[in-house]
Protein backbone atom coordinates (compact mmCIF):
# COMPACT_ATOMS: atom_id res chain seq x y z
CA UNK A 1 0.08 0.04 -0.17
CA UNK A 2 1.74 3.13 -1.24
CA UNK A 3 1.44 6.17 1.75
CA UNK A 4 0.43 9.64 1.05
CA UNK A 5 4.09 11.07 0.04
CA UNK A 6 4.60 8.76 -2.53
CA UNK A 7 0.94 9.08 -4.25
CA UNK A 8 1.63 13.09 -3.94
CA UNK A 9 5.30 12.65 -5.69
CA UNK A 10 3.59 10.66 -8.51
CA UNK A 11 3.76 12.98 -12.09
CA UNK A 12 1.02 14.60 -13.57
CA UNK A 13 -0.74 12.64 -15.76
CA UNK A 14 -0.68 13.72 -19.65
CA UNK A 15 -3.86 14.77 -20.43
CA UNK A 16 -2.77 15.63 -23.84
CA UNK A 17 -2.33 11.85 -25.52
CA UNK A 18 -6.52 12.68 -26.42
CA UNK A 19 -5.89 15.95 -28.86
CA UNK A 20 -10.16 16.82 -29.26
CA UNK A 21 -10.27 16.43 -25.43
CA UNK A 22 -8.41 20.18 -24.90
CA UNK A 23 -8.65 21.28 -20.61
CA UNK A 24 -7.21 24.75 -19.81
CA UNK A 25 -5.67 23.56 -17.15
CA UNK A 26 -2.74 20.42 -18.64
CA UNK A 27 -2.86 22.74 -21.58
CA UNK A 28 1.23 23.21 -21.79
CA UNK A 29 1.09 23.41 -26.11
CA UNK A 30 -1.03 23.40 -28.49
CA UNK A 31 -2.05 20.56 -29.99
CA UNK A 32 -0.83 19.79 -33.81
CA UNK A 33 -3.13 20.42 -36.06
CA UNK A 34 -4.17 17.32 -38.66
CA UNK A 35 -4.60 18.21 -42.23
CA UNK A 36 -7.62 16.42 -44.15
CA UNK A 37 -10.44 14.73 -42.39
CA UNK A 38 -10.58 14.63 -38.79
CA UNK A 39 -9.89 11.28 -36.20
CA UNK A 40 -11.10 11.39 -33.20
CA UNK A 41 -9.65 8.98 -30.32
CA UNK A 42 -12.43 7.04 -27.79
CA UNK A 43 -11.11 7.19 -23.85
CA UNK A 44 -11.79 3.25 -22.79
CA UNK A 45 -14.72 5.11 -20.81
CA UNK A 46 -16.89 6.46 -23.80
CA UNK A 47 -15.90 2.60 -25.95
CA UNK A 48 -17.25 1.34 -23.15
CA UNK A 49 -20.88 3.50 -23.11
CA UNK A 50 -21.29 2.88 -26.87
CA UNK A 51 -21.84 -1.06 -26.70
CA UNK A 52 -24.99 -1.84 -27.39
CA UNK A 53 -27.11 -2.68 -23.77
CA UNK A 54 -26.56 -6.72 -23.19
CA UNK A 55 -29.76 -8.92 -23.87
CA UNK A 56 -30.70 -10.52 -20.72
CA UNK A 57 -29.81 -14.29 -20.13
CA UNK A 58 -33.04 -15.84 -19.48
CA UNK A 59 -34.73 -13.84 -22.73
CA UNK A 60 -36.52 -16.09 -24.68
CA UNK A 61 -37.35 -14.42 -28.48
CA UNK A 62 -40.68 -16.11 -29.60
CA UNK A 63 -41.32 -13.24 -32.69
CA UNK A 64 -39.40 -13.24 -35.19
CA UNK A 65 -40.56 -11.09 -37.07
CA UNK A 66 -43.53 -8.47 -36.43
CA UNK A 67 -45.67 -10.49 -39.19
CA UNK A 68 -45.98 -14.39 -38.34
CA UNK A 69 -48.12 -16.92 -40.61
CA UNK A 70 -51.95 -17.68 -38.35
CA UNK A 71 -52.44 -21.21 -38.32
CA UNK A 72 -55.23 -22.95 -39.81
CA UNK A 73 -57.28 -23.75 -37.11
CA UNK A 74 -57.38 -19.09 -36.35
CA UNK A 75 -58.56 -19.18 -39.89
CA UNK A 76 -61.34 -21.64 -39.80
CA UNK A 77 -62.28 -20.46 -36.30
CA UNK A 78 -65.86 -19.38 -36.20
CA UNK A 79 -66.75 -16.53 -33.47
CA UNK A 80 -69.12 -17.17 -30.42
CA UNK A 81 -72.33 -15.28 -29.47
CA UNK A 82 -70.40 -13.49 -26.47
CA UNK A 83 -67.43 -12.82 -29.03
CA UNK A 84 -70.08 -10.96 -31.51
CA UNK A 85 -71.99 -9.04 -28.88
CA UNK A 86 -68.57 -7.75 -27.23
CA UNK A 87 -67.23 -7.01 -31.09
CA UNK A 88 -70.85 -4.60 -31.05
CA UNK A 89 -70.27 -1.14 -30.95
CA UNK A 90 -71.55 1.03 -28.08
CA UNK A 91 -74.91 2.54 -28.33
CA UNK A 92 -75.59 5.68 -26.75
CA UNK A 93 -77.17 7.22 -24.30
CA UNK A 94 -80.93 7.44 -23.71
CA UNK A 95 -82.09 10.53 -25.20
CA UNK A 96 -78.54 11.45 -26.50
CA UNK A 97 -79.56 13.53 -29.60
CA UNK A 98 -76.79 14.69 -32.83
CA UNK A 99 -75.44 18.22 -32.29
CA UNK A 100 -77.66 20.67 -34.44
CA UNK A 101 -75.85 21.91 -37.20
CA UNK A 102 -74.35 25.36 -37.62
CA UNK A 103 -76.66 25.90 -40.97
CA UNK A 104 -80.03 24.94 -40.35
CA UNK A 105 -81.75 23.68 -43.53
CA UNK A 106 -85.02 25.75 -44.21
CA UNK A 107 -88.19 23.94 -45.32
CA UNK A 108 -89.67 25.67 -48.86
CA UNK A 109 -93.03 25.94 -47.37
CA UNK A 110 -90.52 28.87 -44.66
CA UNK A 111 -88.43 30.03 -48.23
CA UNK A 112 -92.16 30.64 -50.20
CA UNK A 113 -93.85 32.47 -46.55
CA UNK A 114 -94.97 36.02 -46.71
CA UNK A 115 -94.47 38.15 -43.64
CA UNK A 116 -98.10 39.94 -42.76
CA UNK A 117 -98.48 43.45 -42.50
CA UNK A 118 -98.06 43.20 -38.18
CA UNK A 119 -94.83 41.62 -38.77
CA UNK A 120 -93.03 43.97 -41.41
CA UNK A 121 -94.50 46.70 -38.56
CA UNK A 122 -92.47 44.75 -35.67
CA UNK A 123 -89.45 44.24 -38.08
CA UNK A 124 -89.16 48.39 -38.36
CA UNK A 125 -86.59 49.98 -35.68
CA UNK A 126 -87.96 51.84 -33.04
CA UNK A 127 -87.51 55.22 -33.41
CA UNK A 128 -87.21 57.74 -30.21
CA UNK A 129 -88.85 61.28 -30.25
CA UNK A 130 -86.98 63.69 -31.14
CA UNK A 131 -87.55 67.05 -28.95
CA UNK A 132 -88.01 70.51 -30.29
CA UNK A 133 -85.55 73.10 -29.75
CA UNK A 134 -88.58 75.72 -28.71
CA UNK A 135 -88.35 72.95 -25.15
CA UNK A 136 -85.39 74.11 -23.85
CA UNK A 137 -86.06 77.99 -24.07
CA UNK A 138 -89.41 76.93 -22.05
CA UNK A 139 -87.29 76.20 -18.99
CA UNK A 140 -87.50 78.70 -16.40
CA UNK A 141 -84.95 78.73 -13.41
CA UNK A 142 -86.62 78.61 -10.12
CA UNK A 143 -85.08 81.01 -7.73
CA UNK A 144 -83.85 79.53 -5.03
CA UNK A 145 -81.89 80.79 -1.63
CA UNK A 146 -78.87 78.93 0.00
CA UNK A 147 -79.29 78.90 3.64
CA UNK A 148 -76.86 79.75 6.26
CA UNK A 149 -75.19 76.48 6.49
CA UNK A 150 -74.57 76.85 2.88
CA UNK A 151 -72.75 79.95 2.37
CA UNK A 152 -70.39 79.72 6.00
CA UNK A 153 -69.17 76.09 3.85
CA UNK A 154 -68.97 78.25 0.68
CA UNK A 155 -66.60 80.45 2.31
CA UNK A 156 -62.84 80.30 1.68
CA UNK A 157 -60.50 78.83 4.57
CA UNK A 158 -58.41 82.01 5.86
CA UNK A 159 -54.83 81.69 6.18
CA UNK A 160 -53.65 81.53 9.65
CA UNK A 161 -53.03 84.53 11.71
CA UNK A 162 -48.95 83.86 11.86
CA UNK A 163 -48.47 82.57 8.85
CA UNK A 164 -45.80 83.88 6.64
CA UNK A 165 -45.50 83.88 3.32
CA UNK A 166 -42.89 82.73 0.92
CA UNK A 167 -39.12 84.78 0.97
CA UNK A 168 -37.95 86.24 -2.62
CA UNK A 169 -34.98 84.50 -3.79
CA UNK A 170 -33.32 87.95 -3.91
CA UNK A 171 -33.14 90.15 -0.75
CA UNK A 172 -31.15 93.59 -0.16
CA UNK A 173 -28.19 92.80 1.89
CA UNK A 174 -28.20 95.08 5.14
CA UNK A 175 -25.41 97.28 5.90
CA UNK A 176 -23.95 95.40 8.84
CA UNK A 177 -23.85 92.12 6.77
CA UNK A 178 -21.37 94.38 4.03
CA UNK A 179 -19.35 95.46 6.52
CA UNK A 180 -18.98 92.44 8.47
CA UNK A 181 -15.44 90.66 8.77
CA UNK A 182 -14.91 87.03 9.40
CA UNK A 183 -13.54 85.84 12.16
CA UNK A 184 -10.03 83.28 11.83
CA UNK A 185 -12.82 80.80 13.48
CA UNK A 186 -15.02 81.11 10.85
CA UNK A 187 -12.02 81.50 8.16
CA UNK A 188 -10.82 77.76 9.68
CA UNK A 189 -14.47 76.48 9.48
CA UNK A 190 -15.03 77.66 5.56
CA UNK A 191 -11.75 75.47 3.91
CA UNK A 192 -12.75 73.08 2.21
CA UNK A 193 -11.78 69.17 3.15
CA UNK A 194 -9.06 67.51 2.76
CA UNK A 195 -9.36 64.77 0.92
CA UNK A 196 -6.64 62.09 0.80
CA UNK A 197 -6.43 58.71 -0.32
CA UNK A 198 -7.95 55.17 1.68
CA UNK A 199 -4.28 54.57 2.98
CA UNK A 200 -2.33 57.44 2.76
CA UNK A 201 -0.30 58.61 5.47
CA UNK A 202 -1.20 55.59 7.35
CA UNK A 203 1.08 53.52 9.60
CA UNK A 204 -0.20 50.46 10.81
CA UNK A 205 2.51 49.99 12.77
CA UNK A 206 2.22 53.33 14.93
CA UNK A 207 0.90 53.24 18.25
CA UNK A 208 -0.90 56.14 19.84
CA UNK A 209 0.31 57.65 23.16
CA UNK A 210 -3.54 57.07 24.75
CA UNK A 211 -2.59 53.56 24.35
CA UNK A 212 0.56 53.54 25.73
CA UNK A 213 -0.58 54.98 28.58
CA UNK A 214 -3.32 52.32 29.08
CA UNK A 215 -4.74 50.45 31.76
CA UNK A 216 -5.50 47.68 31.09
CA UNK A 217 -8.93 46.93 33.47
CA UNK A 218 -9.53 44.10 36.19
CA UNK A 219 -11.75 42.40 33.08
CA UNK A 220 -9.58 42.85 30.75
CA UNK A 221 -6.53 41.07 32.54
CA UNK A 222 -8.66 37.87 33.60
CA UNK A 223 -9.95 36.99 29.77
CA UNK A 224 -6.24 37.77 28.79
CA UNK A 225 -5.65 34.42 31.36
CA UNK A 226 -5.26 31.25 29.57
CA UNK A 227 -8.02 28.23 30.12
CA UNK A 228 -7.28 26.29 32.97
CA UNK A 229 -7.72 23.07 31.18
CA UNK A 230 -5.48 23.89 28.47
CA UNK A 231 -2.52 25.26 31.38
CA UNK A 232 0.46 22.04 31.62
CA UNK A 233 1.65 22.43 34.80
CA UNK A 234 5.79 21.30 34.69
């Protein structure tokens, strides 16, 4: 049995034996170009998969062809009454009627019928009476008086007494604002913020003075101790 070191010491397999099976991992050089008709080399696994499925050992082939001769007894056989009754088509259910054709055929009497005057009158489209234009002018408006509640609801909503209109976009500057002098603090805050790179001027090994003068709390000292079960006594 080979050890793990001997197994790792084995060289990598040469996968360029099959030029048509190219790989981006083991492609040390481009495969040679073949001229003419391409020929393919199958792996043992592919060759085994291309084989047909073997027939079962206990399979008996009773019919060699889909057409086989009919025996003389089958040619002279006569069906029984039971077989003849089963061969009859199933009758439709009681009350079943065939589908009515889409265009029904009209009888000769219907084709030669003459409608009466009453039918001709009923066949005419119904016409709605048109109102004359003078009827609209005859409509008179009845005087009406709104109630106090309706007048109260119809009044527009008043503005709040402390409501201020929008300030104008431009307004005059006062004399005090024109003569004002910015202090040093205001000038310092007015300077744009300097943007540096992500790690520009960053020293990962520099320890701040606050970290040098810090003192660990008892809880931190307790957590920094190793686990007692992992400590070996010498």
